Amino acid sequence: MPLSGRTLAVSSELRWLLDHWQSDGRWPVPEAPRPTSAIVLIRDASEGLELFITRQLDARGVEDRNRWAFPSSSLRPGDVRKLPLAGWNSARCARALSIENKSRALHHFSAAARITFAATGILLAEDIDREIVAAPQADWRSTRSRLFSNEVSWSQVLRDRDLRLRPDLCKPWLRWINTPTQLHRFDTTFFIATVPFGQEVDFLSPNETSGGWKRPGQILAEVGGDPDSISAATHLIVESFAEVASVGAAMAQIRNAHPLRPEIINDDGEWKVVIQTGKDPHSKGSLRDRAIAVGEIDNDHNPGFLTFSSDDDGDDSTDDEDEDS
């Protein structure tokens, strides 16, 4: 199903805001979207592909919201400061995201791995023997809680345990910049990853959230098209896996990493979200200098520890699921 030009219903909360702003005759000045990463864990099961998805209560305590969502977090400075890295370097991450800002690209990958570990206990990293971590240590639950509260940085967690991040274990799946009419805006890159051999999901949440494995068809059936139960971005992601047979098939897909930029329209008194593709705000160069900008001729074959300056810093807020349309 083509995404561009597609329409979806808006949530009751957004509808209330839109009606209020329209009646007042004044529309809000859009805030800059906050860079965010989200993770979709996938696995093969006897009845087909399954996704690890959560049900989160609304941050304002409206219990009937209880929306389906994937673990996500804003980018943090500690995601990349002195980051121990293996496999892909920042230039390769930029190519995977089709952006030219190499530090921002690595930041997204690192934040995705952080929220994966904090929320599910899955470590997308290798040990000192260059083996993918197979069995996280028993004391890591307290470390994960400290990651949620930002008491410890992700790069520090890796360094303290002689681990190196493996960005190649994450695959960019969809990038979504929610509408200018949202009270809080996010520029979210959704990644997919599978559970490494020997590891098991141990769900942990800082708020009233539950999580579990579901087949895409189950999620769509339970949602039933209700925009209050699932955001537009989450709905599109779940739909995208409906016909995917296995983890291998998902990882083999060629995905378009350019951002989707939904717009709000009023169609005969009914508010709708219209999905449009848009130009990547992080892509600044011409085709001619793109190869140099994203590192096509980069000679950094041993990334080691990476440190970025303050202009690459993200937000220090605690983790939460972002509100899409």
Foldseek 3Di string as FASTA:
>chain_A
DDAAFDKAAAAPVLVVLVVVCVVVVHADFFDDAFEKEFEWAWAADPVFIKTKWKFDADPVRPRVLRAIFTWMFGFFQLLAAQAFADDDALLVLCVLLVFLPSLLSSSRLSRHQLSCCLFWVFHQKAAPVRHGDQEDDPPCNVVSVCVLVVVDGPRVVQVVRRIHHYSVQKHFAAWEWFASRDPHTHGYTYIYGYGDHNDGTDGDDPHPMDIDMDQLVVVCVVCVSRCSHYPPVRNVVSVVCNPQGGPVSVVPDDHDSFHWYWYWDQDPNGIMIGIRTDGDPRHDDDPVCSCVSSPVPPPCNRNGTGRDDPVSGGDSHGIDGDHHD
